[in-house]
Amino acid sequence: MPDTAICTRGSLAAFLDRYGTVYIKPNVGGRGEGVVKAWRTPDGRILYVVEKGTPLAAPSAAALWDRLGLGEKRHVVQRALDLAEYRGSKYDIRVMMIRDAKDRWRFAGMLAKTAGPGSIVTNIARGQGEVVEAGEALAASHGARWPLIRSRILQLARRCNRMFDRIRYEWQMGYDFAVDKDGKVWLIEANPGNPSHALFAKLPDPAAYRRIKRAVRIWRAAHGRRATGGGGKAGGARGKTGGACRAVTIRGRAGERRRTAGRFFATMGT
């Protein structure tokens, strides 16, 4: 997981000094709304982009804080990663995990989401990127190593399930993982409750989407119709607050305790 903290005036300045480039994201929300990428230039200024478009400039971290109105609601700040690329676009990996009839977590599907032209987020609706098979994207960026990286992603998703189970009960989870150019896997976001199934309907091969819908039917048959999430003709896009979750405490670099909330350490978008 990239270094992450609740965004304050102090943490924003410290992260920019330490890492040079950061992402700032609303603590509660979804669909890539309000995501900011900010980076320090050699002359000391800070350039930033809100979702997509031409970079704007701020003279300091304090000025950026004020200009973005970051004190009005809680945000997280996170180290930016040097992400792997597919056909010239950065991408992340979405993994769907759904409980079975006996409440055991099962892998249901995996895909890659790319950032659209000029976009800093991989949210498909907002960033206008594309959905591709995860193996295709991983092979394009990491060659013959892609099966090992895919295996690491699945291992991490299962570990995340165990961690999330200690916070609250969910019956389906959509995890977003980043893979950097060295092949290291990072958790960047957990989407509980209502992760989009519609993303998987965009894949050329419908097998993953059908598997997800079959898993949903099985869980609902075993647990009743109280289950919600993934609605709509093709599973439905996640609502604005679909990524929200209870605050959790994690250990950051050098054992420092960091408290971060909402979207479980968001970076690139949903």
Protein backbone atom coordinates (compact mmCIF):
# COMPACT_ATOMS: atom_id res chain seq x y z
CA MET A 1 0.00 0.00 0.00
CA PRO A 2 1.47 3.42 -0.90
CA ASP A 3 2.14 5.77 2.00
CA THR A 4 -1.21 7.37 2.87
CA ALA A 5 -2.52 9.85 5.44
CA ILE A 6 -5.49 12.04 6.19
CA CYS A 7 -4.84 15.23 4.24
CA THR A 8 -4.01 18.19 6.46
CA ARG A 9 -1.99 21.29 5.71
CA GLY A 10 0.98 19.62 7.31
CA SER A 11 0.65 16.20 5.71
CA LEU A 12 0.09 17.69 2.25
CA ALA A 13 3.28 19.74 2.48
CA ALA A 14 5.21 16.80 3.95
CA PHE A 15 4.08 14.37 1.25
CA LEU A 16 4.96 16.80 -1.53
CA ASP A 17 8.40 17.34 0.01
CA ARG A 18 8.97 13.61 0.47
CA TYR A 19 7.55 12.19 -2.75
CA GLY A 20 7.32 15.06 -5.21
CA THR A 21 4.02 13.81 -6.65
CA VAL A 22 0.85 12.93 -4.75
CA TYR A 23 -2.82 12.19 -5.22
CA ILE A 24 -5.50 13.92 -3.16
CA LYS A 25 -8.94 12.36 -3.03
CA PRO A 26 -12.19 12.92 -1.12
CA ASN A 27 -12.49 10.57 1.81
CA VAL A 28 -16.02 9.59 0.77
CA GLY A 29 -17.16 9.46 -2.84
CA GLY A 30 -16.66 7.55 -6.02
CA ARG A 31 -16.37 7.49 -9.78
CA GLY A 32 -13.16 9.50 -9.72
CA GLU A 33 -14.91 12.70 -8.62
CA GLY A 34 -12.67 15.34 -7.09
CA VAL A 35 -9.40 13.44 -7.51
CA VAL A 36 -6.38 15.74 -7.70
CA LYS A 37 -2.86 14.97 -8.85
CA ALA A 38 -0.26 17.46 -7.60
CA TRP A 39 3.49 17.63 -8.12
CA ARG A 40 6.33 19.97 -7.23
CA THR A 41 8.38 21.56 -10.01
CA PRO A 42 12.13 22.34 -9.85
CA ASP A 43 11.38 26.04 -9.28
CA GLY A 44 9.32 25.20 -6.18
CA ARG A 45 5.85 25.72 -7.61
CA ILE A 46 3.14 23.08 -7.40
CA LEU A 47 1.26 22.03 -10.51
CA TYR A 48 -2.03 20.21 -10.15
CA VAL A 49 -4.83 18.67 -12.20
CA VAL A 50 -8.36 18.05 -10.97
CA GLU A 51 -9.54 14.85 -12.71
CA LYS A 52 -8.30 15.82 -16.18
CA GLY A 53 -7.18 18.77 -18.27
CA THR A 54 -4.40 21.36 -18.32
CA PRO A 55 -2.28 21.65 -15.16
CA LEU A 56 -2.80 24.72 -12.99
CA ALA A 57 -0.15 26.26 -10.72
CA ALA A 58 -0.01 27.14 -7.03
CA PRO A 59 2.96 28.87 -5.39
CA SER A 60 3.01 26.59 -2.31
CA ALA A 61 1.34 23.64 -0.59
CA ALA A 62 -0.53 26.08 1.65
CA ALA A 63 -1.86 27.94 -1.39
CA LEU A 64 -2.92 24.64 -2.97
CA TRP A 65 -4.78 23.70 0.22
CA ASP A 66 -6.68 26.97 0.19
CA ARG A 67 -7.36 26.95 -3.55
CA LEU A 68 -8.84 23.44 -3.47
CA GLY A 69 -10.84 24.10 -0.31
CA LEU A 70 -9.42 20.98 1.31
CA GLY A 71 -10.45 22.11 4.77
CA GLU A 72 -14.15 21.92 3.87
CA LYS A 73 -14.33 18.11 3.94
CA ARG A 74 -11.94 15.30 4.71
CA HIS A 75 -9.53 14.06 2.05
CA VAL A 76 -6.68 11.56 1.94
CA VAL A 77 -3.25 12.29 0.48
CA GLN A 78 -1.21 9.48 -1.01
CA ARG A 79 2.15 8.95 -2.59
CA ALA A 80 1.86 8.69 -6.37
CA LEU A 81 3.22 5.52 -7.96
CA ASP A 82 5.04 5.07 -11.25
CA LEU A 83 2.28 2.89 -12.69
CA ALA A 84 2.62 0.32 -15.43
CA GLU A 85 1.13 1.24 -18.80
CA TYR A 86 -0.96 -0.47 -21.44
CA ARG A 87 -0.67 1.05 -24.91
CA GLY A 88 0.67 4.27 -23.45
CA SER A 89 -2.02 4.63 -20.74
CA LYS A 90 -1.61 3.96 -17.05
CA TYR A 91 -3.86 1.26 -15.69
CA ASP A 92 -5.00 -0.42 -12.50
CA ILE A 93 -6.54 -3.82 -11.81
CA ARG A 94 -10.07 -4.40 -10.46
CA VAL A 95 -10.67 -7.67 -8.61
CA MET A 96 -14.17 -8.84 -7.65
CA MET A 97 -14.57 -11.07 -4.60
CA ILE A 98 -18.02 -12.45 -3.64
CA ARG A 99 -19.05 -14.74 -0.79
CA ASP A 100 -20.51 -18.14 -1.57
CA ALA A 101 -23.55 -19.79 0.01
CA LYS A 102 -21.45 -20.74 3.06
CA ASP A 103 -20.10 -17.18 3.40
CA ARG A 104 -16.62 -18.06 2.15
CA TRP A 105 -14.92 -15.48 -0.05
CA ARG A 106 -14.51 -16.55 -3.68
CA PHE A 107 -12.68 -14.90 -6.56
CA ALA A 108 -15.20 -13.81 -9.21
CA GLY A 109 -13.34 -11.74 -11.80
CA MET A 110 -10.39 -9.52 -12.70
CA LEU A 111 -9.87 -6.81 -15.33
CA ALA A 112 -7.69 -3.80 -16.12
CA LYS A 113 -8.97 -0.19 -16.29
CA THR A 114 -6.94 2.36 -18.22
CA ALA A 115 -6.84 6.12 -17.80
CA GLY A 116 -8.37 8.04 -20.70
CA PRO A 117 -6.57 10.75 -22.70
CA GLY A 118 -5.49 13.56 -20.39
CA SER A 119 -7.14 11.91 -17.37
CA ILE A 120 -5.49 11.23 -14.02
CA VAL A 121 -8.15 8.67 -13.02
CA THR A 122 -8.93 5.18 -14.26
CA ASN A 123 -12.66 5.48 -13.62
CA ILE A 124 -14.15 4.47 -16.96
CA ALA A 125 -17.21 6.71 -16.95
CA ARG A 126 -15.33 9.80 -15.78
CA GLY A 127 -11.89 9.29 -17.30
CA GLN A 128 -13.15 7.75 -20.55
CA GLY A 129 -10.56 5.02 -20.50
CA GLU A 130 -11.11 1.42 -21.53
CA VAL A 131 -11.58 -1.99 -19.95
CA VAL A 132 -9.31 -4.82 -21.05
CA GLU A 133 -8.50 -8.32 -19.88
CA ALA A 134 -6.14 -8.19 -16.91
CA GLY A 135 -3.78 -10.72 -18.43
CA GLU A 136 -3.53 -8.71 -21.64
CA ALA A 137 -2.56 -5.53 -19.77
CA LEU A 138 -0.13 -7.30 -17.45
CA ALA A 139 1.54 -9.13 -20.33
CA ALA A 140 1.90 -5.89 -22.28
CA SER A 141 3.64 -4.14 -19.39
CA HIS A 142 5.57 -6.99 -17.76
CA GLY A 143 5.97 -9.70 -20.38
CA ALA A 144 6.45 -13.26 -19.19
CA ARG A 145 6.22 -12.20 -15.55
CA TRP A 146 2.50 -11.50 -15.82
CA PRO A 147 1.19 -14.83 -14.40
CA LEU A 148 3.28 -14.33 -11.23
CA ILE A 149 2.01 -10.75 -10.84
CA ARG A 150 -1.57 -11.91 -11.34
CA SER A 151 -1.04 -14.52 -8.62
CA ARG A 152 0.29 -11.84 -6.26
CA ILE A 153 -2.78 -9.69 -6.91
CA LEU A 154 -5.10 -12.58 -5.98
CA GLN A 155 -3.08 -13.32 -2.84
CA LEU A 156 -3.33 -9.70 -1.77
CA ALA A 157 -7.09 -9.59 -2.47
CA ARG A 158 -7.59 -12.57 -0.17
CA ARG A 159 -5.50 -10.91 2.53
CA CYS A 160 -7.58 -7.76 2.16
CA ASN A 161 -10.76 -9.81 2.66
CA ARG A 162 -9.43 -11.12 5.95
CA MET A 163 -8.48 -7.61 7.04
CA PHE A 164 -11.82 -6.11 6.01
CA ASP A 165 -13.70 -8.86 7.83
CA ARG A 166 -12.33 -7.40 11.06
CA ILE A 167 -13.98 -4.06 10.27
CA ARG A 168 -17.47 -5.08 9.16
CA TYR A 169 -19.41 -7.65 7.19
CA GLU A 170 -19.67 -7.31 3.40
CA TRP A 171 -20.77 -9.93 0.91
CA GLN A 172 -18.98 -8.51 -2.14
CA MET A 173 -15.86 -6.40 -2.57
CA GLY A 174 -14.23 -4.70 -5.52
CA TYR A 175 -10.51 -4.09 -4.95
CA ASP A 176 -8.35 -1.83 -7.09
CA PHE A 177 -4.67 -2.70 -7.28
CA ALA A 178 -1.84 -0.83 -8.93
CA VAL A 179 1.14 -2.51 -10.50
CA ASP A 180 4.21 -0.31 -10.78
CA LYS A 181 6.80 -0.51 -13.53
CA ASP A 182 8.95 -2.81 -11.40
CA GLY A 183 6.07 -5.27 -11.04
CA LYS A 184 5.27 -4.54 -7.39
CA VAL A 185 1.58 -4.81 -6.48
CA TRP A 186 -0.10 -2.11 -4.38
CA LEU A 187 -3.58 -1.86 -2.90
CA ILE A 188 -5.03 1.52 -3.83
CA GLU A 189 -8.74 1.19 -3.06
CA ALA A 190 -11.38 -1.10 -1.60
CA ASN A 191 -14.96 -0.68 -2.80
CA PRO A 192 -17.43 -2.39 -0.47
CA GLY A 193 -21.18 -2.75 -0.73
CA ASN A 194 -21.89 -1.87 -4.31
CA PRO A 195 -18.86 -2.32 -6.59
CA SER A 196 -19.67 -2.06 -10.27
CA HIS A 197 -20.44 -5.29 -12.08
CA ALA A 198 -20.99 -3.33 -15.29
CA LEU A 199 -17.24 -3.00 -15.82
CA PHE A 200 -17.05 -6.73 -16.49
CA ALA A 201 -19.87 -6.55 -19.03
CA LYS A 202 -17.55 -4.38 -21.15
CA LEU A 203 -15.02 -7.18 -21.62
CA PRO A 204 -15.08 -8.97 -25.00
CA ASP A 205 -15.37 -12.31 -23.20
CA PRO A 206 -18.58 -12.38 -21.11
CA ALA A 207 -17.40 -15.25 -18.91
CA ALA A 208 -16.32 -13.10 -15.93
CA TYR A 209 -19.55 -11.07 -15.98
CA ARG A 210 -21.64 -14.23 -16.09
CA ARG A 211 -19.60 -15.74 -13.27
CA ILE A 212 -20.20 -12.64 -11.13
CA LYS A 213 -23.94 -12.67 -11.76
CA ARG A 214 -24.10 -16.39 -11.00
CA ALA A 215 -22.21 -15.83 -7.73
CA VAL A 216 -24.64 -13.05 -6.80
CA ARG A 217 -27.64 -15.30 -7.41
CA ILE A 218 -26.11 -18.06 -5.29
CA TRP A 219 -25.39 -15.74 -2.37
CA ARG A 220 -28.83 -14.14 -2.50
CA ALA A 221 -30.54 -17.52 -2.66
CA ALA A 222 -28.70 -18.58 0.48
CA HIS A 223 -29.07 -15.33 2.43
CA GLY A 224 -32.34 -13.82 1.24
CA ARG A 225 -33.16 -10.79 -0.88
CA ARG A 226 -31.83 -8.29 1.61
CA ALA A 227 -28.59 -8.15 -0.37
CA THR A 228 -28.08 -5.09 -2.51
CA GLY A 229 -25.36 -3.90 -4.84
CA GLY A 230 -24.33 -4.08 -8.44
CA GLY A 231 -27.85 -3.37 -9.69
CA GLY A 232 -28.94 -2.15 -13.08
CA LYS A 233 -29.04 -3.89 -16.42
CA ALA A 234 -25.35 -4.74 -16.33
CA GLY A 235 -24.65 -4.55 -12.64
CA GLY A 236 -24.88 -0.79 -12.29
CA ALA A 237 -22.20 1.79 -11.69
CA ARG A 238 -21.26 2.44 -8.10
CA GLY A 239 -22.98 5.42 -6.52
CA LYS A 240 -21.23 8.49 -5.17
CA THR A 241 -20.79 7.02 -1.71
CA GLY A 242 -20.36 3.41 -2.79
CA GLY A 243 -16.70 3.39 -1.84
CA ALA A 244 -17.20 4.60 1.71
CA CYS A 245 -16.16 2.43 4.60
CA ARG A 246 -15.41 2.79 8.28
CA ALA A 247 -12.15 4.45 9.26
CA VAL A 248 -9.34 2.01 9.91
CA THR A 249 -5.96 2.36 11.55
CA ILE A 250 -2.89 1.04 9.80
CA ARG A 251 0.84 1.13 10.35
CA GLY A 252 2.73 3.34 7.95
CA ARG A 253 6.42 3.77 7.29
CA ALA A 254 8.75 3.28 10.26
CA GLY A 255 5.88 1.88 12.35
CA GLU A 256 4.09 5.22 12.54
CA ARG A 257 0.36 4.80 13.16
CA ARG A 258 -1.67 6.50 10.47
CA ARG A 259 -5.44 6.83 10.60
CA THR A 260 -7.10 6.84 7.25
CA ALA A 261 -10.77 6.43 6.43
CA GLY A 262 -13.37 6.18 3.73
CA ARG A 263 -12.10 4.64 0.58
CA PHE A 264 -9.36 2.49 1.95
CA PHE A 265 -6.39 4.38 0.60
CA ALA A 266 -7.59 5.69 -2.76
CA THR A 267 -5.21 6.82 -5.46
CA MET A 268 -6.29 6.52 -9.06
CA GLY A 269 -10.07 6.31 -9.01
CA THR A 270 -12.75 3.72 -9.17
